[in-house]
Amino acid sequence: MKRVRVMAGAVGLAPLALALAPSAAHAATATSHAKTVRSDVTTAGIAHAECGVNATASGHGAGPIRGAIQYNGSCVGFQQVSIRGHIPSLTERVRFWKNGGLLTTKWVNPGTFKTLSNGTLETSFRSSPYEHVSMVCEALVANANHADVRYGPVCEQP
């Protein structure tokens, strides 16, 4: 839904402003849509020094993915999710929650591939969000359809 702002500075524009303004009933039932940002490294305007990481939390979700965050207080400075295998067709969906509500969703693509010391392949996705949150949840979704969750979610709390 697009919002139109009408500024009625002159008396002649007041009727137009009233005609374009949504009704009270419509305004009460309007829904807001969260905006997503697609980036592999994001910064929320928080100074990196303010979010100096000094603690780690990890989580294991349903299936073969593992998530981890590094944080200081409620500020998450680093997040990562990994899965065993070389899987090039995935994008990471990272959701940041604050006080029980969804704060923002970000997308991380591409993943990086590496061979672990035991010879196993691993695909991992990471970013430095610098967000003050109460929970971070990662999921791996199909590149072609971000609504198609393939693995996860897995969540961590600072």
Protein backbone atom coordinates (compact mmCIF):
# COMPACT_ATOMS: atom_id res chain seq x y z
CA MET A 1 0.00 0.00 0.00
CA LYS A 2 1.38 3.40 -0.93
CA ARG A 3 0.74 6.30 1.35
CA VAL A 4 -0.03 9.72 -0.07
CA ARG A 5 0.78 12.76 2.03
CA VAL A 6 -1.26 15.84 1.37
CA MET A 7 -0.25 19.10 2.95
CA ALA A 8 -3.08 21.61 2.90
CA GLY A 9 -1.55 25.01 3.48
CA ALA A 10 -4.23 26.95 1.65
CA VAL A 11 -7.93 26.90 2.52
CA GLY A 12 -8.77 25.86 -1.05
CA LEU A 13 -6.80 22.60 -0.68
CA ALA A 14 -8.53 21.50 2.55
CA PRO A 15 -11.45 19.73 0.77
CA LEU A 16 -8.95 17.93 -1.49
CA ALA A 17 -6.96 16.80 1.54
CA LEU A 18 -10.08 15.45 3.20
CA ALA A 19 -11.12 13.63 0.02
CA LEU A 20 -7.72 11.93 -0.32
CA ALA A 21 -7.32 11.05 3.36
CA PRO A 22 -8.21 7.43 4.20
CA SER A 23 -11.32 6.88 6.26
CA ALA A 24 -10.87 6.09 9.94
CA ALA A 25 -12.21 2.56 9.37
CA HIS A 26 -9.77 1.98 6.49
CA ALA A 27 -6.85 3.36 8.50
CA ALA A 28 -7.64 1.02 11.40
CA THR A 29 -7.58 -2.04 9.16
CA ALA A 30 -4.53 -1.08 7.10
CA THR A 31 -1.58 -3.42 7.37
CA SER A 32 2.04 -2.43 7.28
CA HIS A 33 4.52 -4.34 5.17
CA ALA A 34 8.08 -4.95 6.38
CA LYS A 35 10.71 -3.87 3.93
CA THR A 36 13.57 -6.25 3.22
CA VAL A 37 17.12 -5.38 2.39
CA ARG A 38 19.31 -7.60 0.25
CA SER A 39 22.99 -7.39 1.10
CA ASP A 40 25.87 -9.59 2.11
CA VAL A 41 27.29 -7.05 4.55
CA THR A 42 25.00 -4.54 6.21
CA THR A 43 25.50 -1.71 8.64
CA ALA A 44 22.67 -0.20 10.61
CA GLY A 45 24.48 3.04 11.47
CA ILE A 46 25.75 1.71 14.81
CA ALA A 47 29.41 2.38 15.43
CA HIS A 48 31.44 -0.82 15.18
CA ALA A 49 33.21 0.07 18.44
CA GLU A 50 29.84 0.23 20.22
CA CYS A 51 29.12 -3.32 19.11
CA GLY A 52 32.50 -4.85 19.92
CA VAL A 53 31.76 -8.55 20.17
CA ASN A 54 32.68 -10.33 23.38
CA ALA A 55 30.26 -13.27 23.56
CA THR A 56 29.07 -16.08 21.28
CA ALA A 57 25.81 -18.00 21.02
CA SER A 58 25.08 -20.93 18.72
CA GLY A 59 22.00 -22.83 17.69
CA HIS A 60 21.07 -25.98 15.86
CA GLY A 61 17.86 -26.10 13.87
CA ALA A 62 15.80 -28.85 12.42
CA GLY A 63 18.02 -30.53 9.87
CA PRO A 64 21.68 -30.07 9.11
CA ILE A 65 22.19 -26.32 9.64
CA ARG A 66 24.08 -24.58 12.43
CA GLY A 67 23.85 -20.90 13.32
CA ALA A 68 26.05 -18.66 15.41
CA ILE A 69 26.20 -15.03 16.48
CA GLN A 70 28.81 -12.89 18.17
CA TYR A 71 27.48 -10.02 20.24
CA ASN A 72 27.98 -7.46 22.99
CA GLY A 73 24.89 -6.89 25.12
CA SER A 74 22.01 -6.74 22.64
CA CYS A 75 24.20 -5.65 19.70
CA VAL A 76 24.93 -8.44 17.21
CA GLY A 77 28.14 -7.73 15.32
CA PHE A 78 28.44 -11.01 13.39
CA GLN A 79 26.10 -13.80 12.33
CA GLN A 80 26.70 -17.01 10.40
CA VAL A 81 24.81 -20.09 9.30
CA SER A 82 26.45 -23.18 7.78
CA ILE A 83 25.42 -26.48 6.26
CA ARG A 84 27.43 -29.53 5.31
CA GLY A 85 27.93 -29.99 1.58
CA HIS A 86 28.54 -27.82 -1.47
CA ILE A 87 25.11 -26.28 -2.07
CA PRO A 88 25.24 -23.36 -4.54
CA SER A 89 21.48 -22.83 -4.98
CA LEU A 90 20.73 -21.30 -1.57
CA THR A 91 20.33 -17.81 -0.10
CA GLU A 92 20.39 -17.07 3.62
CA ARG A 93 17.38 -15.29 5.11
CA VAL A 94 18.29 -13.55 8.38
CA ARG A 95 15.51 -12.22 10.56
CA PHE A 96 16.24 -9.89 13.44
CA TRP A 97 13.71 -9.80 16.28
CA LYS A 98 13.40 -7.17 19.00
CA ASN A 99 11.03 -7.34 21.97
CA GLY A 100 8.99 -10.11 20.34
CA GLY A 101 8.47 -8.30 17.02
CA LEU A 102 10.19 -8.65 13.67
CA LEU A 103 12.68 -5.78 13.29
CA THR A 104 14.03 -6.51 9.80
CA THR A 105 14.81 -9.27 7.29
CA LYS A 106 18.06 -9.36 5.34
CA TRP A 107 19.30 -11.67 2.58
CA VAL A 108 22.86 -13.02 2.24
CA ASN A 109 24.04 -14.48 -1.06
CA PRO A 110 26.29 -16.04 -2.21
CA GLY A 111 27.55 -18.51 0.34
CA THR A 112 31.18 -19.49 0.63
CA PHE A 113 32.37 -23.04 0.11
CA LYS A 114 35.25 -24.68 1.94
CA THR A 115 36.67 -28.08 2.75
CA LEU A 116 36.92 -28.80 6.48
CA SER A 117 39.94 -30.52 8.03
CA ASN A 118 38.14 -33.90 7.94
CA GLY A 119 37.53 -33.55 4.18
CA THR A 120 33.84 -32.63 4.49
CA LEU A 121 32.52 -29.79 2.33
CA GLU A 122 30.66 -26.91 3.97
CA THR A 123 28.62 -23.97 2.65
CA SER A 124 28.41 -20.94 4.95
CA PHE A 125 26.78 -17.52 4.87
CA ARG A 126 27.84 -14.64 7.11
CA SER A 127 27.30 -10.95 7.65
CA SER A 128 28.05 -8.16 10.12
CA PRO A 129 24.64 -6.66 10.86
CA TYR A 130 25.45 -4.36 13.84
CA GLU A 131 21.83 -4.52 15.03
CA HIS A 132 20.46 -4.23 18.60
CA VAL A 133 18.13 -7.23 18.84
CA SER A 134 16.72 -9.84 21.22
CA MET A 135 16.95 -12.78 18.76
CA VAL A 136 18.46 -13.67 15.37
CA CYS A 137 16.95 -16.43 13.19
CA GLU A 138 18.60 -17.79 10.05
CA ALA A 139 17.08 -20.02 7.35
CA LEU A 140 18.34 -21.23 3.99
CA VAL A 141 15.93 -20.57 1.15
CA ALA A 142 15.94 -21.35 -2.57
CA ASN A 143 17.67 -18.72 -4.72
CA ALA A 144 14.74 -18.65 -7.16
CA ASN A 145 11.99 -18.47 -4.51
CA HIS A 146 12.75 -16.88 -1.13
CA ALA A 147 9.47 -18.23 0.27
CA ASP A 148 10.78 -21.78 -0.25
CA VAL A 149 12.57 -22.54 3.04
CA ARG A 150 14.89 -25.48 2.47
CA TYR A 151 16.62 -25.62 5.89
CA GLY A 152 15.91 -24.04 9.26
CA PRO A 153 15.19 -21.75 10.82
CA VAL A 154 17.75 -21.79 13.61
CA CYS A 155 17.73 -19.02 16.23
CA GLU A 156 20.17 -17.53 18.72
CA GLN A 157 19.72 -14.97 21.47
CA PRO A 158 22.33 -12.52 22.67
